[in-house]
Amino acid sequence: MEGPHMAEEKQKVKNSKREKPPKQVKNEEKTEATGKVVFVGQKPVKNYVIAVMMHFNTGSNQVVIKARGRAITKAVDTFELLRRAFLKNVRLDSINISTEQVTREGNQKANVSAIELTIVKS
């Protein structure tokens, strides 16, 4: 037979199993201490537009949108959607393009294009 303490222990075990593990932050929306940076990846463009708007609404006057490879088109779309539909007083300050060398499976090295769009709120 189970006593009242045993039932409490079983309930604690059940409750601890239900708790979700802490959510990990992905690279595409990370903020660096030196400035506001939005890393563009596989999510829909609207997610990145919202992330940039949040940075501007918290008092930032400058945000950098970074992307590599196929995500470069999403970075450009993010800026264009932001400028045309949401924040009319945003302008493109600078564009930096580069090529990064990454190591893929099997130690194969590949070149990946990268872009940084620095946008400023006027």
N, C-alpha and C. Protein backbone atom coordinates (compact mmCIF):
# COMPACT_ATOMS: atom_id res chain seq x y z
N MET A 1 0.83 -1.20 0.00
CA MET A 1 0.00 0.00 0.00
C MET A 1 0.88 1.26 0.00
N GLU A 2 0.37 2.23 -0.66
CA GLU A 2 1.09 3.48 -0.74
C GLU A 2 0.62 4.43 0.33
N GLY A 3 1.56 5.13 0.91
CA GLY A 3 1.21 6.13 1.90
C GLY A 3 1.03 7.47 1.23
N PRO A 4 0.63 8.48 1.99
CA PRO A 4 0.41 9.81 1.40
C PRO A 4 1.70 10.42 0.83
N HIS A 5 2.84 10.08 1.45
CA HIS A 5 4.11 10.63 0.95
C HIS A 5 4.48 10.04 -0.39
N MET A 6 4.18 8.78 -0.59
CA MET A 6 4.51 8.11 -1.85
C MET A 6 3.69 8.72 -3.00
N ALA A 7 2.43 9.04 -2.73
CA ALA A 7 1.58 9.65 -3.76
C ALA A 7 2.10 11.03 -4.15
N GLU A 8 2.60 11.79 -3.16
CA GLU A 8 3.16 13.11 -3.44
C GLU A 8 4.40 13.00 -4.33
N GLU A 9 5.24 12.01 -4.05
CA GLU A 9 6.45 11.82 -4.84
C GLU A 9 6.11 11.47 -6.29
N LYS A 10 5.11 10.62 -6.49
CA LYS A 10 4.70 10.26 -7.84
C LYS A 10 4.18 11.49 -8.59
N GLN A 11 3.42 12.34 -7.88
CA GLN A 11 2.89 13.55 -8.50
C GLN A 11 4.02 14.49 -8.91
N LYS A 12 5.06 14.62 -8.07
CA LYS A 12 6.20 15.47 -8.40
C LYS A 12 6.91 14.95 -9.64
N VAL A 13 7.06 13.64 -9.75
CA VAL A 13 7.72 13.05 -10.91
C VAL A 13 6.91 13.32 -12.17
N LYS A 14 5.58 13.17 -12.08
CA LYS A 14 4.73 13.46 -13.24
C LYS A 14 4.84 14.91 -13.67
N ASN A 15 4.82 15.83 -12.69
CA ASN A 15 4.91 17.25 -13.01
C ASN A 15 6.25 17.60 -13.63
N SER A 16 7.33 17.00 -13.14
CA SER A 16 8.64 17.33 -13.69
C SER A 16 8.78 16.82 -15.12
N LYS A 17 8.09 15.72 -15.47
CA LYS A 17 8.15 15.21 -16.83
C LYS A 17 7.39 16.10 -17.80
N ARG A 18 6.38 16.82 -17.31
CA ARG A 18 5.57 17.67 -18.16
C ARG A 18 6.27 18.98 -18.52
N GLU A 19 7.19 19.42 -17.69
CA GLU A 19 7.87 20.69 -17.95
C GLU A 19 8.70 20.59 -19.22
N LYS A 20 8.62 21.63 -20.03
CA LYS A 20 9.36 21.64 -21.28
C LYS A 20 10.79 22.12 -21.01
N PRO A 21 11.74 21.60 -21.75
CA PRO A 21 13.11 22.09 -21.59
C PRO A 21 13.20 23.53 -22.07
N PRO A 22 14.17 24.30 -21.55
CA PRO A 22 14.28 25.70 -21.98
C PRO A 22 14.55 25.79 -23.48
N LYS A 23 13.92 26.76 -24.10
CA LYS A 23 14.04 26.94 -25.54
C LYS A 23 15.40 27.53 -25.87
N GLN A 24 16.05 26.96 -26.87
CA GLN A 24 17.34 27.47 -27.28
C GLN A 24 17.16 28.59 -28.29
N VAL A 25 18.00 29.60 -28.18
CA VAL A 25 17.95 30.74 -29.09
C VAL A 25 18.76 30.39 -30.33
N LYS A 26 18.15 30.57 -31.48
CA LYS A 26 18.84 30.29 -32.74
C LYS A 26 19.61 31.51 -33.19
N ASN A 27 20.58 31.29 -34.06
CA ASN A 27 21.45 32.35 -34.52
C ASN A 27 20.73 33.49 -35.21
N GLU A 28 19.62 33.21 -35.94
CA GLU A 28 19.06 34.23 -36.80
C GLU A 28 18.44 35.42 -36.08
N GLU A 29 18.21 35.34 -34.78
CA GLU A 29 17.63 36.47 -34.07
C GLU A 29 18.45 36.88 -32.86
N LYS A 30 19.73 36.60 -32.88
CA LYS A 30 20.60 36.90 -31.76
C LYS A 30 20.97 38.39 -31.78
N THR A 31 21.14 38.98 -30.59
CA THR A 31 21.55 40.37 -30.48
C THR A 31 22.95 40.41 -29.89
N GLU A 32 23.83 41.14 -30.55
CA GLU A 32 25.19 41.30 -30.04
C GLU A 32 25.25 42.54 -29.16
N ALA A 33 26.20 42.56 -28.25
CA ALA A 33 26.33 43.68 -27.32
C ALA A 33 26.73 44.97 -28.04
N THR A 34 27.48 44.88 -29.12
CA THR A 34 27.96 46.07 -29.81
C THR A 34 26.88 46.73 -30.66
N GLY A 35 25.88 46.02 -31.07
CA GLY A 35 24.83 46.60 -31.90
C GLY A 35 23.72 45.60 -32.11
N LYS A 36 22.68 46.04 -32.75
CA LYS A 36 21.54 45.17 -33.01
C LYS A 36 21.75 44.46 -34.33
N VAL A 37 21.73 43.13 -34.29
CA VAL A 37 21.97 42.32 -35.48
C VAL A 37 20.85 41.30 -35.60
N VAL A 38 20.31 41.16 -36.80
CA VAL A 38 19.30 40.14 -37.09
C VAL A 38 19.92 39.19 -38.12
N PHE A 39 20.04 37.93 -37.74
CA PHE A 39 20.58 36.92 -38.63
C PHE A 39 19.43 36.25 -39.37
N VAL A 40 19.45 36.32 -40.69
CA VAL A 40 18.37 35.78 -41.51
C VAL A 40 18.69 34.33 -41.86
N GLY A 41 17.67 33.47 -41.73
CA GLY A 41 17.84 32.05 -42.00
C GLY A 41 16.66 31.48 -42.75
N GLN A 42 16.04 30.44 -42.18
CA GLN A 42 15.00 29.70 -42.88
C GLN A 42 13.58 30.11 -42.53
N LYS A 43 13.41 30.99 -41.58
CA LYS A 43 12.06 31.41 -41.18
C LYS A 43 11.45 32.33 -42.24
N PRO A 44 10.14 32.56 -42.17
CA PRO A 44 9.50 33.48 -43.12
C PRO A 44 10.01 34.91 -42.97
N VAL A 45 9.94 35.68 -44.04
CA VAL A 45 10.45 37.05 -44.06
C VAL A 45 9.78 37.90 -42.99
N LYS A 46 8.50 37.70 -42.75
CA LYS A 46 7.79 38.54 -41.77
C LYS A 46 8.40 38.43 -40.38
N ASN A 47 8.97 37.28 -40.02
CA ASN A 47 9.62 37.13 -38.72
C ASN A 47 10.81 38.08 -38.58
N TYR A 48 11.57 38.23 -39.65
CA TYR A 48 12.74 39.10 -39.61
C TYR A 48 12.34 40.57 -39.65
N VAL A 49 11.26 40.89 -40.35
CA VAL A 49 10.73 42.26 -40.36
C VAL A 49 10.32 42.64 -38.94
N ILE A 50 9.63 41.75 -38.26
CA ILE A 50 9.19 42.00 -36.88
C ILE A 50 10.40 42.16 -35.96
N ALA A 51 11.42 41.33 -36.15
CA ALA A 51 12.62 41.42 -35.31
C ALA A 51 13.31 42.78 -35.48
N VAL A 52 13.41 43.26 -36.72
CA VAL A 52 14.03 44.57 -36.98
C VAL A 52 13.18 45.67 -36.37
N MET A 53 11.87 45.60 -36.53
CA MET A 53 10.97 46.61 -35.97
C MET A 53 11.08 46.66 -34.45
N MET A 54 11.22 45.49 -33.83
CA MET A 54 11.37 45.46 -32.37
C MET A 54 12.66 46.17 -31.93
N HIS A 55 13.73 45.97 -32.67
CA HIS A 55 14.98 46.66 -32.34
C HIS A 55 14.82 48.17 -32.47
N PHE A 56 14.16 48.63 -33.51
CA PHE A 56 13.94 50.06 -33.68
C PHE A 56 13.02 50.60 -32.59
N ASN A 57 12.02 49.84 -32.19
CA ASN A 57 11.08 50.30 -31.17
C ASN A 57 11.69 50.35 -29.78
N THR A 58 12.79 49.62 -29.56
CA THR A 58 13.44 49.66 -28.25
C THR A 58 14.48 50.77 -28.17
N GLY A 59 14.56 51.61 -29.19
CA GLY A 59 15.43 52.77 -29.12
C GLY A 59 16.65 52.73 -30.02
N SER A 60 16.87 51.67 -30.73
CA SER A 60 18.02 51.58 -31.65
C SER A 60 17.77 52.44 -32.88
N ASN A 61 18.83 53.07 -33.35
CA ASN A 61 18.73 53.84 -34.58
C ASN A 61 19.37 53.11 -35.75
N GLN A 62 20.08 52.00 -35.46
CA GLN A 62 20.77 51.25 -36.49
C GLN A 62 20.62 49.76 -36.23
N VAL A 63 20.32 49.01 -37.29
CA VAL A 63 20.20 47.55 -37.21
C VAL A 63 20.93 46.96 -38.40
N VAL A 64 21.64 45.86 -38.16
CA VAL A 64 22.35 45.16 -39.23
C VAL A 64 21.61 43.86 -39.52
N ILE A 65 21.29 43.63 -40.78
CA ILE A 65 20.67 42.39 -41.22
C ILE A 65 21.76 41.57 -41.90
N LYS A 66 22.02 40.36 -41.37
CA LYS A 66 23.07 39.51 -41.92
C LYS A 66 22.47 38.23 -42.49
N ALA A 67 23.04 37.76 -43.59
CA ALA A 67 22.57 36.52 -44.20
C ALA A 67 23.70 35.89 -45.00
N ARG A 68 23.58 34.57 -45.19
CA ARG A 68 24.55 33.83 -46.02
C ARG A 68 23.80 32.95 -47.00
N GLY A 69 24.43 32.70 -48.14
CA GLY A 69 23.90 31.74 -49.11
C GLY A 69 22.52 32.08 -49.62
N ARG A 70 21.65 31.09 -49.58
CA ARG A 70 20.29 31.26 -50.11
C ARG A 70 19.45 32.25 -49.31
N ALA A 71 19.85 32.54 -48.09
CA ALA A 71 19.09 33.47 -47.25
C ALA A 71 19.32 34.93 -47.63
N ILE A 72 20.26 35.19 -48.54
CA ILE A 72 20.53 36.57 -48.95
C ILE A 72 19.29 37.21 -49.56
N THR A 73 18.53 36.47 -50.34
CA THR A 73 17.31 37.02 -50.94
C THR A 73 16.30 37.41 -49.87
N LYS A 74 16.22 36.62 -48.80
CA LYS A 74 15.30 36.95 -47.71
C LYS A 74 15.75 38.21 -46.97
N ALA A 75 17.05 38.41 -46.86
CA ALA A 75 17.56 39.62 -46.20
C ALA A 75 17.16 40.86 -47.00
N VAL A 76 17.31 40.79 -48.32
CA VAL A 76 16.93 41.91 -49.18
C VAL A 76 15.41 42.11 -49.12
N ASP A 77 14.65 41.04 -49.17
CA ASP A 77 13.19 41.13 -49.07
C ASP A 77 12.78 41.74 -47.73
N THR A 78 13.49 41.40 -46.66
CA THR A 78 13.19 41.95 -45.34
C THR A 78 13.33 43.47 -45.35
N PHE A 79 14.43 43.95 -45.89
CA PHE A 79 14.63 45.40 -45.95
C PHE A 79 13.57 46.07 -46.83
N GLU A 80 13.32 45.51 -47.99
CA GLU A 80 12.35 46.13 -48.92
C GLU A 80 10.95 46.16 -48.32
N LEU A 81 10.53 45.08 -47.69
CA LEU A 81 9.20 45.04 -47.06
C LEU A 81 9.12 46.04 -45.92
N LEU A 82 10.17 46.11 -45.14
CA LEU A 82 10.23 47.05 -44.02
C LEU A 82 10.12 48.48 -44.53
N ARG A 83 10.87 48.81 -45.57
CA ARG A 83 10.91 50.17 -46.11
C ARG A 83 9.60 50.55 -46.79
N ARG A 84 9.04 49.63 -47.55
CA ARG A 84 7.83 49.97 -48.32
C ARG A 84 6.54 49.93 -47.52
N ALA A 85 6.43 49.00 -46.57
CA ALA A 85 5.15 48.80 -45.91
C ALA A 85 5.09 49.26 -44.45
N PHE A 86 6.20 49.20 -43.73
CA PHE A 86 6.11 49.41 -42.29
C PHE A 86 6.77 50.70 -41.82
N LEU A 87 8.02 50.92 -42.12
CA LEU A 87 8.75 52.09 -41.65
C LEU A 87 9.24 52.90 -42.85
N LYS A 88 8.55 53.97 -43.12
CA LYS A 88 8.90 54.79 -44.29
C LYS A 88 10.19 55.58 -44.07
N ASN A 89 10.57 55.81 -42.81
CA ASN A 89 11.75 56.62 -42.52
C ASN A 89 13.02 55.79 -42.31
N VAL A 90 13.08 54.62 -42.91
CA VAL A 90 14.26 53.75 -42.82
C VAL A 90 15.02 53.84 -44.14
N ARG A 91 16.36 53.95 -44.02
CA ARG A 91 17.17 54.00 -45.24
C ARG A 91 18.34 53.04 -45.11
N LEU A 92 18.85 52.65 -46.24
CA LEU A 92 19.99 51.74 -46.29
C LEU A 92 21.26 52.56 -46.11
N ASP A 93 22.04 52.24 -45.09
CA ASP A 93 23.26 52.99 -44.80
C ASP A 93 24.45 52.39 -45.54
N SER A 94 24.59 51.06 -45.49
CA SER A 94 25.70 50.42 -46.20
C SER A 94 25.38 48.97 -46.50
N ILE A 95 26.07 48.45 -47.51
CA ILE A 95 25.97 47.05 -47.88
C ILE A 95 27.39 46.49 -47.90
N ASN A 96 27.61 45.42 -47.17
CA ASN A 96 28.90 44.73 -47.20
C ASN A 96 28.68 43.32 -47.71
N ILE A 97 29.44 42.94 -48.71
CA ILE A 97 29.36 41.58 -49.22
C ILE A 97 30.70 40.90 -49.01
N SER A 98 30.65 39.60 -48.80
CA SER A 98 31.88 38.85 -48.58
C SER A 98 31.67 37.39 -48.96
N THR A 99 32.75 36.64 -48.92
CA THR A 99 32.69 35.21 -49.14
C THR A 99 33.33 34.54 -47.93
N GLU A 100 32.60 33.62 -47.34
CA GLU A 100 33.10 32.89 -46.18
C GLU A 100 33.38 31.45 -46.58
N GLN A 101 34.45 30.91 -46.02
CA GLN A 101 34.77 29.52 -46.31
C GLN A 101 34.24 28.66 -45.16
N VAL A 102 33.38 27.71 -45.48
CA VAL A 102 32.81 26.81 -44.48
C VAL A 102 33.24 25.38 -44.76
N THR A 103 33.28 24.58 -43.70
CA THR A 103 33.62 23.18 -43.84
C THR A 103 32.33 22.37 -43.76
N ARG A 104 32.08 21.57 -44.76
CA ARG A 104 30.88 20.75 -44.82
C ARG A 104 31.20 19.33 -44.40
N GLU A 105 30.21 18.45 -44.50
CA GLU A 105 30.42 17.05 -44.14
C GLU A 105 31.55 16.46 -44.96
N GLY A 106 32.32 15.61 -44.32
CA GLY A 106 33.43 14.99 -45.03
C GLY A 106 34.62 15.93 -45.18
N ASN A 107 34.69 16.98 -44.36
CA ASN A 107 35.77 17.96 -44.39
C ASN A 107 35.93 18.66 -45.74
N GLN A 108 34.85 18.77 -46.48
CA GLN A 108 34.90 19.50 -47.75
C GLN A 108 34.74 20.99 -47.45
N LYS A 109 35.57 21.79 -48.07
CA LYS A 109 35.48 23.22 -47.89
C LYS A 109 34.69 23.82 -49.04
N ALA A 110 33.84 24.78 -48.71
CA ALA A 110 33.02 25.43 -49.73
C ALA A 110 32.97 26.93 -49.45
N ASN A 111 32.86 27.70 -50.49
CA ASN A 111 32.70 29.15 -50.35
C ASN A 111 31.22 29.50 -50.33
N VAL A 112 30.85 30.35 -49.37
CA VAL A 112 29.46 30.77 -49.22
C VAL A 112 29.44 32.29 -49.23
N SER A 113 28.59 32.87 -50.06
CA SER A 113 28.45 34.32 -50.10
C SER A 113 27.72 34.81 -48.86
N ALA A 114 28.07 36.01 -48.42
CA ALA A 114 27.43 36.60 -47.24
C ALA A 114 27.16 38.08 -47.52
N ILE A 115 26.14 38.61 -46.83
CA ILE A 115 25.78 40.01 -46.99
C ILE A 115 25.42 40.61 -45.64
N GLU A 116 25.74 41.87 -45.46
CA GLU A 116 25.34 42.63 -44.28
C GLU A 116 24.68 43.91 -44.77
N LEU A 117 23.45 44.12 -44.40
CA LEU A 117 22.73 45.33 -44.75
C LEU A 117 22.60 46.18 -43.48
N THR A 118 23.21 47.34 -43.46
CA THR A 118 23.10 48.22 -42.30
C THR A 118 22.01 49.23 -42.61
N ILE A 119 20.97 49.21 -41.80
CA ILE A 119 19.84 50.12 -42.03
C ILE A 119 19.72 51.08 -40.86
N VAL A 120 19.33 52.30 -41.18
CA VAL A 120 19.28 53.39 -40.20
C VAL A 120 17.90 53.99 -40.20
N LYS A 121 17.42 54.30 -39.02
CA LYS A 121 16.13 54.98 -38.87
C LYS A 121 16.40 56.48 -38.83
N SER A 122 15.79 57.22 -39.73
CA SER A 122 16.04 58.68 -39.81
C SER A 122 15.14 59.44 -38.86
